[in-house]
């Protein structure tokens, strides 16, 4: 009996040691797997962060592409399309900060006259509409020009007077149709600023014009008039 007991005790000890050894192995494996799990989680978080960064860069790149495409489309536009004055003779001067719409006098006036033709409303109404929509806060200069032919049959003293009256007629039309009078200035240049030779009939026709100038930069209170003779857009009072 004692022999059996003596045999059992070592056996229990050995078994316990084996069990403890197995537990230690499992603990090591658990710790190892836990470390691996943490490493994988950390790697996953890094990869997820990189994925989000790449997705953000893709969005930014697409936005850049869209902006470049928009700029290319803008560059491909004519000045008339870019400024809103579709179908008109438009010039943009970046240095001066002005948009100039040129209307030939044949559209606006009869020869030697300063009263607007009734048919001019289409062109002027389009200009009024664009100014209201896109340039409502900008100062507007209406500049009248003539050729060098002297005044003969009309009641005007000279070309300077005729160009001034014509610019005022257009300026009054703009004010009447909703452009603030404080923003509008009428200017007469006579024949002093030709854009073509006055030696030919075609050149003279080009010089007889009215320019509507949108000033993209604010006009200072003491800013000089853009042409020799400036006049108010308000209609003059009748003589007593």
Protein backbone atom coordinates (compact mmCIF):
# COMPACT_ATOMS: atom_id res chain seq x y z
CA UNK A 1 0.00 0.00 0.00
CA UNK A 2 2.82 2.28 0.87
CA UNK A 3 4.41 1.40 -2.42
CA UNK A 4 1.32 2.44 -4.32
CA UNK A 5 1.15 5.70 -2.45
CA UNK A 6 4.79 6.35 -3.07
CA UNK A 7 4.26 5.67 -6.78
CA UNK A 8 1.19 7.86 -7.05
CA UNK A 9 2.78 10.94 -5.50
CA UNK A 10 5.55 11.23 -8.11
CA UNK A 11 3.02 10.56 -10.80
CA UNK A 12 0.82 13.40 -9.57
CA UNK A 13 3.82 15.69 -9.38
CA UNK A 14 4.87 14.80 -12.90
CA UNK A 15 1.33 15.25 -14.18
CA UNK A 16 1.03 18.60 -12.43
CA UNK A 17 4.30 19.75 -13.84
CA UNK A 18 3.22 18.68 -17.32
CA UNK A 19 -0.06 20.51 -16.90
CA UNK A 20 1.67 23.61 -15.64
CA UNK A 21 4.10 23.37 -18.51
CA UNK A 22 1.18 23.12 -20.94
CA UNK A 23 -0.48 26.15 -19.36
CA UNK A 24 2.74 28.07 -19.72
CA UNK A 25 2.90 27.14 -23.40
CA UNK A 26 -0.69 28.26 -23.92
CA UNK A 27 0.04 31.50 -22.07
CA UNK A 28 3.03 32.10 -24.32
CA UNK A 29 0.97 31.34 -27.39
CA UNK A 30 -1.80 33.65 -26.14
CA UNK A 31 0.65 36.43 -25.47
CA UNK A 32 2.26 35.88 -28.86
CA UNK A 33 -1.10 35.90 -30.64
CA UNK A 34 -2.17 38.96 -28.70
CA UNK A 35 0.99 40.78 -29.78
CA UNK A 36 0.37 39.67 -33.37
CA UNK A 37 -3.20 40.90 -33.09
CA UNK A 38 -2.03 44.29 -31.86
CA UNK A 39 0.56 44.44 -34.62
CA UNK A 40 -2.05 43.58 -37.24
CA UNK A 41 -4.45 46.15 -35.79
CA UNK A 42 -1.73 48.76 -35.92
CA UNK A 43 -0.91 47.79 -39.50
CA UNK A 44 -4.60 47.92 -40.40
CA UNK A 45 -4.95 51.38 -38.91
CA UNK A 46 -1.91 52.56 -40.87
CA UNK A 47 -3.29 51.10 -44.10
CA UNK A 48 -6.72 52.59 -43.40
CA UNK A 49 -5.13 56.00 -42.83
CA UNK A 50 -3.18 55.66 -46.09
CA UNK A 51 -6.37 54.64 -47.89
CA UNK A 52 -8.18 57.72 -46.58
CA UNK A 53 -5.25 59.92 -47.61
CA UNK A 54 -5.29 58.44 -51.10
CA UNK A 55 -9.05 58.89 -51.36
CA UNK A 56 -8.65 62.53 -50.27
CA UNK A 57 -5.88 63.04 -52.84
CA UNK A 58 -8.06 61.53 -55.56
CA UNK A 59 -10.82 64.01 -54.69
CA UNK A 60 -8.32 66.89 -54.67
CA UNK A 61 -6.81 65.77 -57.98
CA UNK A 62 -10.27 65.59 -59.53
CA UNK A 63 -11.07 69.06 -58.24
CA UNK A 64 -7.80 70.32 -59.73
CA UNK A 65 -8.63 68.67 -63.05
CA UNK A 66 -12.12 70.20 -63.00
CA UNK A 67 -10.68 73.65 -62.24
CA UNK A 68 -8.12 73.34 -65.04
CA UNK A 69 -10.86 72.25 -67.42
CA UNK A 70 -12.96 75.26 -66.38
CA UNK A 71 -10.00 77.60 -66.93
CA UNK A 72 -9.35 76.08 -70.36
CA UNK A 73 -13.00 76.57 -71.27
CA UNK A 74 -12.80 80.18 -70.06
CA UNK A 75 -9.65 80.75 -72.12
CA UNK A 76 -11.41 79.35 -75.18
CA UNK A 77 -14.24 81.84 -74.78
CA UNK A 78 -14.36 85.05 -76.79
CA UNK A 79 -14.38 88.33 -74.80
CA UNK A 80 -18.09 88.64 -75.55
CA UNK A 81 -18.81 85.18 -74.16
CA UNK A 82 -16.57 85.60 -71.12
CA UNK A 83 -18.05 88.98 -70.13
CA UNK A 84 -21.68 88.12 -70.84
CA UNK A 85 -22.18 90.51 -73.76
CA UNK A 86 -22.93 87.73 -76.25
CA UNK A 87 -22.90 88.65 -79.93
CA UNK A 88 -21.47 92.14 -79.40
CA UNK A 89 -18.20 93.87 -80.22
CA UNK A 90 -16.42 93.56 -76.87
CA UNK A 91 -12.86 94.33 -75.76
CA UNK A 92 -11.34 93.56 -72.36
CA UNK A 93 -8.38 95.61 -71.12
CA UNK A 94 -6.80 93.82 -68.16
CA UNK A 95 -4.34 96.64 -67.47
CA UNK A 96 -7.05 99.29 -67.34
CA UNK A 97 -9.58 96.96 -65.75
CA UNK A 98 -12.28 97.79 -68.29
CA UNK A 99 -14.78 95.99 -70.50
CA UNK A 100 -15.75 98.01 -73.56
CA UNK A 101 -18.83 97.32 -75.66
CA UNK A 102 -18.76 99.19 -78.97
CA UNK A 103 -21.95 100.06 -80.84
CA UNK A 104 -21.72 101.66 -84.29
CA UNK A 105 -23.68 104.87 -84.70
CA UNK A 106 -25.60 103.36 -87.62
CA UNK A 107 -27.38 101.13 -85.10
CA UNK A 108 -28.12 103.95 -82.66
CA UNK A 109 -28.62 107.18 -84.59
CA UNK A 110 -29.58 108.65 -87.91
CA UNK A 111 -26.91 110.77 -89.58
CA UNK A 112 -26.35 114.04 -87.73
CA UNK A 113 -28.93 113.14 -85.06
CA UNK A 114 -28.59 112.56 -81.34
CA UNK A 115 -31.99 110.94 -80.72
CA UNK A 116 -31.90 107.15 -80.41
CA UNK A 117 -33.58 105.08 -83.08
CA UNK A 118 -36.51 103.05 -81.81
CA UNK A 119 -34.85 99.88 -83.14
CA UNK A 120 -31.85 100.32 -80.84
CA UNK A 121 -33.73 99.05 -77.80
CA UNK A 122 -32.76 95.42 -78.52
CA UNK A 123 -29.02 96.06 -78.22
CA UNK A 124 -29.30 98.49 -75.34
CA UNK A 125 -31.74 96.29 -73.42
CA UNK A 126 -29.26 93.41 -73.68
CA UNK A 127 -26.50 95.65 -72.32
CA UNK A 128 -28.74 96.84 -69.47
CA UNK A 129 -29.62 93.24 -68.61
CA UNK A 130 -25.97 92.12 -68.47
CA UNK A 131 -24.94 95.13 -66.38
CA UNK A 132 -27.73 94.44 -63.88
CA UNK A 133 -26.85 90.75 -63.64
CA UNK A 134 -23.05 90.89 -63.57
CA UNK A 135 -21.86 94.47 -63.06
CA UNK A 136 -24.55 96.10 -60.91
CA UNK A 137 -22.02 97.78 -58.62
CA UNK A 138 -19.62 98.95 -61.36
CA UNK A 139 -19.24 102.45 -62.75
CA UNK A 140 -20.27 102.86 -66.38
CA UNK A 141 -18.85 105.34 -68.89
CA UNK A 142 -20.79 106.05 -72.09
CA UNK A 143 -18.33 107.52 -74.58
CA UNK A 144 -19.39 109.09 -77.88
CA UNK A 145 -17.09 109.32 -80.94
CA UNK A 146 -17.36 110.80 -84.44
CA UNK A 147 -15.31 110.87 -87.63
CA UNK A 148 -13.48 113.99 -88.81
CA UNK A 149 -16.15 115.22 -91.22
CA UNK A 150 -17.18 118.72 -90.14
CA UNK A 151 -20.74 119.45 -89.02
CA UNK A 152 -22.72 121.01 -91.87
CA UNK A 153 -26.48 120.43 -91.72
CA UNK A 154 -27.10 119.34 -88.12
CA UNK A 155 -27.73 121.86 -85.33
CA UNK A 156 -24.63 120.88 -83.39
CA UNK A 157 -21.75 123.32 -83.17
CA UNK A 158 -19.11 120.66 -83.84
CA UNK A 159 -18.34 116.96 -83.59
CA UNK A 160 -17.51 117.30 -79.89
CA UNK A 161 -21.00 118.60 -79.18
CA UNK A 162 -22.62 115.90 -81.32
CA UNK A 163 -20.67 113.09 -79.65
CA UNK A 164 -21.52 114.48 -76.21
CA UNK A 165 -25.25 114.63 -76.97
CA UNK A 166 -25.20 111.11 -78.35
CA UNK A 167 -23.41 109.74 -75.29
CA UNK A 168 -25.98 111.47 -73.07
CA UNK A 169 -28.85 109.93 -75.04
CA UNK A 170 -27.45 106.45 -74.42
CA UNK A 171 -26.67 107.25 -70.78
CA UNK A 172 -30.24 108.45 -70.21
CA UNK A 173 -31.54 105.20 -71.71
CA UNK A 174 -29.43 103.16 -69.28
CA UNK A 175 -30.63 105.19 -66.30
CA UNK A 176 -34.25 105.07 -67.44
CA UNK A 177 -34.07 101.28 -67.60
CA UNK A 178 -32.66 100.73 -64.14
CA UNK A 179 -28.95 101.53 -64.03
CA UNK A 180 -28.22 103.81 -61.06
CA UNK A 181 -27.60 107.35 -62.30
CA UNK A 182 -24.70 107.80 -59.86
CA UNK A 183 -22.86 105.01 -61.70
CA UNK A 184 -23.29 106.43 -65.21
CA UNK A 185 -21.10 109.10 -66.80
CA UNK A 186 -21.56 110.45 -70.32
CA UNK A 187 -18.46 111.55 -72.23
CA UNK A 188 -17.98 113.13 -75.65
CA UNK A 189 -14.69 112.74 -77.52
CA UNK A 190 -15.60 114.09 -80.95
CA UNK A 191 -13.07 112.88 -83.52
CA UNK A 192 -10.10 112.85 -81.13
CA UNK A 193 -9.92 109.09 -80.58
CA UNK A 194 -10.21 107.28 -83.91
CA UNK A 195 -9.84 103.50 -84.13
CA UNK A 196 -9.44 103.52 -87.93
CA UNK A 197 -8.27 105.83 -90.67
CA UNK A 198 -10.57 108.73 -91.51
CA UNK A 199 -9.21 108.66 -95.06
CA UNK A 200 -11.72 105.98 -96.11
CA UNK A 201 -15.48 105.62 -95.83
CA UNK A 202 -15.08 102.31 -94.02
CA UNK A 203 -12.66 103.84 -91.53
CA UNK A 204 -14.99 106.77 -90.87
CA UNK A 205 -17.88 104.38 -90.26
CA UNK A 206 -15.83 102.55 -87.63
CA UNK A 207 -14.92 105.81 -85.91
CA UNK A 208 -18.57 106.86 -85.61
CA UNK A 209 -19.45 104.87 -82.52
CA UNK A 210 -20.58 104.84 -78.91
CA UNK A 211 -18.61 102.85 -76.36
CA UNK A 212 -20.15 101.58 -73.14
CA UNK A 213 -17.27 101.04 -70.72
CA UNK A 214 -17.67 98.92 -67.59
CA UNK A 215 -15.04 99.90 -65.02
CA UNK A 216 -14.13 96.78 -63.05
CA UNK A 217 -12.12 98.89 -60.60
CA UNK A 218 -13.84 101.52 -58.51
CA UNK A 219 -13.59 104.99 -59.95
CA UNK A 220 -12.07 107.43 -57.45
CA UNK A 221 -13.93 110.60 -56.51
CA UNK A 222 -11.14 112.68 -58.02
CA UNK A 223 -10.51 110.40 -60.99
CA UNK A 224 -10.03 112.23 -64.29
CA UNK A 225 -12.67 111.92 -66.97
CA UNK A 226 -11.73 109.36 -69.63
CA UNK A 227 -12.36 111.81 -72.45
CA UNK A 228 -12.18 115.55 -73.17
CA UNK A 229 -15.83 116.46 -72.64
CA UNK A 230 -17.87 114.94 -69.81
CA UNK A 231 -21.57 115.50 -69.24
CA UNK A 232 -24.20 114.42 -66.74
CA UNK A 233 -26.53 111.57 -67.60
CA UNK A 234 -29.42 113.58 -66.25
CA UNK A 235 -31.58 115.30 -68.87
CA UNK A 236 -30.87 119.04 -69.04
CA UNK A 237 -33.53 121.43 -67.83
CA UNK A 238 -35.38 123.31 -70.58
CA UNK A 239 -34.34 126.88 -71.17
CA UNK A 240 -36.63 129.51 -69.77
